[in-house]
Protein backbone atom coordinates (compact mmCIF):
# COMPACT_ATOMS: atom_id res chain seq x y z
CA MET A 1 5.51 -51.80 -23.12
CA ALA A 2 2.65 -54.47 -22.11
CA ARG A 3 -0.78 -52.48 -22.18
CA PRO A 4 -2.25 -52.75 -18.47
CA ARG A 5 -5.10 -54.94 -17.97
CA LYS A 6 -7.13 -52.72 -16.47
CA PRO A 7 -8.16 -49.33 -17.53
CA LEU A 8 -6.27 -47.15 -15.59
CA LEU A 9 -8.14 -45.70 -12.42
CA SER A 10 -9.66 -41.76 -13.32
CA ARG A 11 -12.24 -39.55 -11.92
CA ASP A 12 -14.49 -40.08 -14.43
CA ARG A 13 -14.48 -44.05 -14.05
CA ILE A 14 -14.93 -44.01 -10.05
CA VAL A 15 -17.93 -41.62 -10.91
CA GLU A 16 -19.60 -43.88 -13.63
CA THR A 17 -19.04 -46.79 -11.71
CA ALA A 18 -20.14 -45.64 -8.53
CA GLY A 19 -23.01 -44.14 -10.26
CA ALA A 20 -24.33 -47.42 -11.90
CA LEU A 21 -23.82 -49.26 -8.66
CA VAL A 22 -26.12 -46.32 -6.85
CA ASP A 23 -28.79 -46.63 -10.01
CA ALA A 24 -28.79 -50.69 -9.30
CA GLU A 25 -28.95 -50.79 -5.54
CA GLY A 26 -29.54 -47.05 -3.66
CA LEU A 27 -27.48 -45.65 -1.69
CA GLY A 28 -26.63 -47.71 0.84
CA ALA A 29 -24.78 -50.10 -1.45
CA LEU A 30 -22.13 -47.69 -1.85
CA SER A 31 -18.83 -47.87 0.22
CA THR A 32 -15.38 -47.35 -0.88
CA ARG A 33 -14.61 -50.70 -0.26
CA ARG A 34 -17.21 -52.07 -2.61
CA LEU A 35 -16.60 -49.22 -5.56
CA ALA A 36 -12.95 -50.16 -5.18
CA ALA A 37 -13.64 -54.11 -5.36
CA GLU A 38 -15.96 -53.40 -8.29
CA LEU A 39 -13.16 -51.29 -10.24
CA GLY A 40 -10.84 -53.72 -9.31
CA VAL A 41 -8.36 -51.94 -7.57
CA SER A 42 -7.37 -51.09 -3.69
CA GLY A 43 -9.13 -49.20 -1.51
CA PRO A 44 -6.59 -46.35 -1.13
CA SER A 45 -5.81 -45.89 -4.53
CA LEU A 46 -9.69 -43.94 -4.56
CA TYR A 47 -8.31 -41.32 -2.64
CA ASN A 48 -6.07 -39.79 -5.25
CA HIS A 49 -9.21 -39.19 -6.26
CA PHE A 50 -11.64 -38.23 -3.86
CA ARG A 51 -11.16 -37.44 -0.14
CA THR A 52 -14.49 -38.95 1.33
CA LYS A 53 -17.35 -41.15 -0.15
CA ASP A 54 -19.71 -38.00 -0.33
CA GLU A 55 -16.84 -36.19 -2.71
CA ILE A 56 -18.23 -39.50 -4.45
CA LEU A 57 -21.47 -38.68 -3.97
CA ASP A 58 -21.26 -35.46 -4.75
CA ALA A 59 -19.77 -36.05 -8.57
CA VAL A 60 -22.41 -38.40 -9.08
CA ALA A 61 -24.76 -35.91 -8.19
CA ASP A 62 -23.21 -33.71 -10.49
CA ALA A 63 -23.47 -35.69 -13.43
CA VAL A 64 -26.85 -36.32 -13.08
CA SER A 65 -27.13 -32.63 -13.28
CA GLU A 66 -25.03 -32.02 -16.33
CA LYS A 67 -27.69 -33.98 -18.25
CA ILE A 68 -30.06 -30.99 -17.06
CA ASP A 69 -31.08 -28.70 -20.92
CA LEU A 70 -30.47 -25.47 -19.78
CA SER A 71 -30.62 -23.91 -23.40
CA MET A 72 -34.29 -22.56 -22.80
CA PHE A 73 -32.30 -20.28 -20.33
CA THR A 74 -30.32 -18.62 -22.65
CA GLU A 75 -30.73 -14.65 -23.87
CA ASP A 76 -30.98 -15.79 -27.60
CA ASP A 77 -33.49 -18.86 -27.20
CA GLY A 78 -36.93 -16.96 -27.52
CA ARG A 79 -38.64 -18.46 -25.43
CA ASP A 80 -40.85 -16.91 -23.01
CA TRP A 81 -40.06 -17.48 -19.09
CA LEU A 82 -43.14 -19.69 -18.65
CA SER A 83 -42.11 -21.88 -21.65
CA ALA A 84 -38.30 -21.52 -20.56
CA LEU A 85 -39.48 -23.06 -16.64
CA HIS A 86 -42.27 -25.57 -18.35
CA ASP A 87 -39.56 -27.37 -20.66
CA TRP A 88 -36.46 -27.47 -17.75
CA ALA A 89 -38.60 -28.63 -15.85
CA VAL A 90 -39.74 -31.05 -18.15
CA SER A 91 -35.63 -32.00 -18.73
CA TYR A 92 -34.99 -31.70 -15.10
CA ARG A 93 -37.52 -34.38 -13.94
CA ALA A 94 -36.53 -36.44 -16.85
CA ALA A 95 -32.93 -36.67 -15.65
CA LEU A 96 -34.02 -37.59 -12.04
CA ALA A 97 -36.08 -40.48 -13.31
CA ASP A 98 -33.44 -42.09 -14.82
CA HIS A 99 -31.35 -42.16 -11.82
CA PRO A 100 -34.26 -42.14 -8.92
CA HIS A 101 -31.61 -43.55 -6.34
CA ILE A 102 -29.31 -40.22 -6.23
CA VAL A 103 -32.42 -37.89 -5.59
CA PRO A 104 -31.90 -37.60 -1.50
CA VAL A 105 -28.87 -35.90 -2.43
CA LEU A 106 -29.81 -33.56 -5.05
CA ALA A 107 -32.44 -32.60 -2.73
CA GLN A 108 -29.80 -31.16 -0.67
CA GLY A 109 -28.83 -28.23 -3.17
CA PRO A 110 -25.95 -27.93 -5.31
CA GLY A 111 -23.58 -26.89 -2.50
CA ARG A 112 -20.38 -26.39 -4.45
CA ARG A 113 -21.46 -28.45 -7.23
CA PRO A 114 -20.16 -26.89 -10.55
CA ALA A 115 -22.97 -28.37 -12.86
CA GLY A 116 -25.67 -27.98 -9.70
CA LEU A 117 -24.80 -24.39 -9.59
CA ARG A 118 -25.11 -23.48 -12.96
CA VAL A 119 -28.50 -24.65 -13.08
CA ALA A 120 -29.27 -22.61 -10.39
CA ASP A 121 -27.81 -19.67 -11.86
CA ALA A 122 -29.32 -20.00 -15.09
CA VAL A 123 -32.60 -19.91 -13.64
CA PHE A 124 -32.15 -17.53 -10.97
CA GLY A 125 -30.69 -15.02 -14.01
CA ALA A 126 -33.63 -16.35 -16.78
CA MET A 127 -36.04 -14.91 -13.92
CA VAL A 128 -34.63 -11.85 -12.72
CA ARG A 129 -34.14 -10.97 -17.20
CA ALA A 130 -37.90 -11.58 -17.44
CA GLY A 131 -38.79 -8.96 -14.75
CA TRP A 132 -39.08 -10.90 -11.43
CA PRO A 133 -37.59 -9.33 -8.55
CA PRO A 134 -34.95 -10.76 -7.22
CA ALA A 135 -36.28 -12.27 -4.12
CA GLN A 136 -38.80 -13.77 -6.14
CA ALA A 137 -36.82 -15.18 -8.49
CA THR A 138 -34.97 -17.10 -5.41
CA SER A 139 -38.51 -18.13 -4.61
CA ILE A 140 -39.10 -19.50 -7.97
CA GLY A 141 -35.84 -21.67 -8.03
CA ALA A 142 -36.53 -23.35 -4.71
CA LEU A 143 -40.11 -23.54 -5.44
CA MET A 144 -39.29 -25.55 -8.64
CA ARG A 145 -36.47 -27.66 -7.02
CA TYR A 146 -39.08 -28.57 -3.99
CA PHE A 147 -41.58 -29.78 -6.90
CA ILE A 148 -39.36 -31.80 -8.96
CA THR A 149 -37.19 -33.54 -6.48
CA GLY A 150 -40.28 -34.71 -4.78
CA SER A 151 -41.81 -35.74 -7.50
CA ALA A 152 -38.98 -37.70 -8.38
CA LEU A 153 -38.35 -39.39 -4.56
CA GLY A 154 -40.87 -41.65 -5.08
CA SER A 155 -43.99 -43.16 -6.53
CA PHE A 156 -47.29 -42.26 -5.78
CA ALA A 157 -49.28 -45.19 -7.76
CA ARG A 158 -46.47 -47.92 -6.04
CA GLY A 159 -47.59 -46.72 -2.98
CA PHE A 160 -50.47 -49.07 -3.24
CA VAL A 161 -50.69 -52.90 -3.45
CA ASP A 162 -51.56 -54.60 -6.68
CA ASP A 163 -54.67 -56.86 -4.30
CA GLU A 164 -57.84 -55.86 -4.48
CA SER A 165 -59.05 -57.40 -1.06
CA ALA A 166 -56.11 -55.06 0.25
CA TYR A 167 -58.72 -52.07 0.25
CA ASP A 168 -62.14 -53.24 1.84
CA PRO A 169 -64.86 -51.16 0.44
CA ALA A 170 -66.22 -50.90 4.45
CA ASP A 171 -62.89 -48.96 5.33
CA TYR A 172 -61.69 -47.63 2.54
CA PRO A 173 -65.00 -46.26 0.38
CA HIS A 174 -63.35 -44.32 -2.32
CA LEU A 175 -60.44 -46.92 -2.88
CA GLY A 176 -62.06 -49.50 -5.03
CA GLN A 177 -59.74 -49.18 -7.59
CA ALA A 178 -56.54 -48.01 -5.83
CA HIS A 179 -55.28 -51.72 -6.52
CA LEU A 180 -55.07 -50.74 -10.32
CA LEU A 181 -52.45 -47.63 -9.59
CA ALA A 182 -49.13 -50.10 -9.92
CA GLU A 183 -50.28 -51.31 -13.17
CA HIS A 184 -50.32 -47.80 -14.57
CA ARG A 185 -47.73 -46.12 -12.39
CA GLN A 186 -45.93 -44.42 -15.66
CA LYS A 187 -49.10 -43.02 -16.64
CA VAL A 188 -50.27 -41.92 -13.08
CA ASP A 189 -47.05 -40.42 -12.04
CA GLU A 190 -46.39 -38.61 -15.36
CA GLY A 191 -50.08 -37.34 -15.30
CA ALA A 192 -49.67 -35.56 -11.67
CA PHE A 193 -46.60 -34.08 -12.59
CA ASP A 194 -48.00 -32.59 -15.94
CA THR A 195 -51.21 -31.75 -13.69
CA GLY A 196 -48.96 -29.73 -10.79
CA LEU A 197 -46.63 -28.28 -13.08
CA ARG A 198 -49.57 -26.99 -15.09
CA ALA A 199 -51.21 -25.53 -11.74
CA LEU A 200 -47.70 -24.31 -10.41
CA LEU A 201 -46.88 -22.25 -13.36
CA ASP A 202 -50.71 -20.87 -14.13
CA GLY A 203 -49.93 -20.07 -10.59
CA LEU A 204 -46.74 -18.09 -11.48
CA ARG A 205 -48.21 -16.65 -14.57
CA LEU A 206 -51.29 -14.65 -12.21
CA GLN A 207 -48.41 -13.22 -9.50
CA TYR A 208 -46.05 -12.18 -12.37
CA GLU A 209 -49.16 -10.24 -14.33
CA SER A 210 -49.95 -8.75 -10.56
CA LEU A 211 -46.22 -6.92 -10.45
CA ASP A 212 -45.19 -4.07 -9.70
CA ARG A 213 -43.04 -3.17 -12.33
CA ARG A 214 -43.22 0.41 -12.50
CA PRO A 215 -39.70 2.02 -11.89
CA PRO A 216 -39.35 3.43 -8.33
CA ALA A 217 -40.23 7.02 -7.50
CA ARG A 218 -37.53 9.50 -7.21
CA HIS A 219 -37.34 12.00 -4.46
CA ASP A 220 -36.67 15.17 -5.70
CA THR A 221 -34.79 17.37 -2.68
CA SER A 222 -34.44 20.28 -5.03
CA ALA A 223 -35.41 23.97 -4.01
CA ALA A 224 -38.16 23.80 -6.82
CA ALA A 225 -39.48 21.18 -5.58
CA GLU A 226 -39.70 21.95 -1.87
CA ALA A 227 -41.33 25.29 -3.08
């Protein structure tokens, strides 16, 4: 039997092609018609694997979540909770930095995405095991997601043009070097992330040290106690 000229359509192939398209041109470039053309198939054939474009985007986002290292949250890893949060945050940001255009989808939360839910479950479980009350463990997971996705949504350095004349000292006396920021984008943005992460973790450490981890008092209702 002759081999097909094109690889058979699969869920993985759709996600890989959609992800490459989003990476190259942004979320606005993805449509089922464009994706089908990239794959060399008819549009309706996509619906054998995904019901909607949003489902495809969810799968692309989850493929990025699968790249986030969670090994530091396993019970036998040995890292303390602060080191684990730090190392996970660095891995999380690296995954997003490689795929910045999908960040707005990831920022909406895991929804029903399996890899995204594994991330949330791992962080929450590790914080509770470390002694954080469940409500605060939830807040820590939310806080870290806000910080990391926010850092990946855009570049502070790229927000400034490289034209020195754009920043007249008469109007902006403290922006005399702002036109140089774009040239040093990676250093500036990574430095800002590192500074923010250290400040955030230092703050959490202080909160942790102030936690009252004593077991709740038991109310003795025996007759002896009432006497």
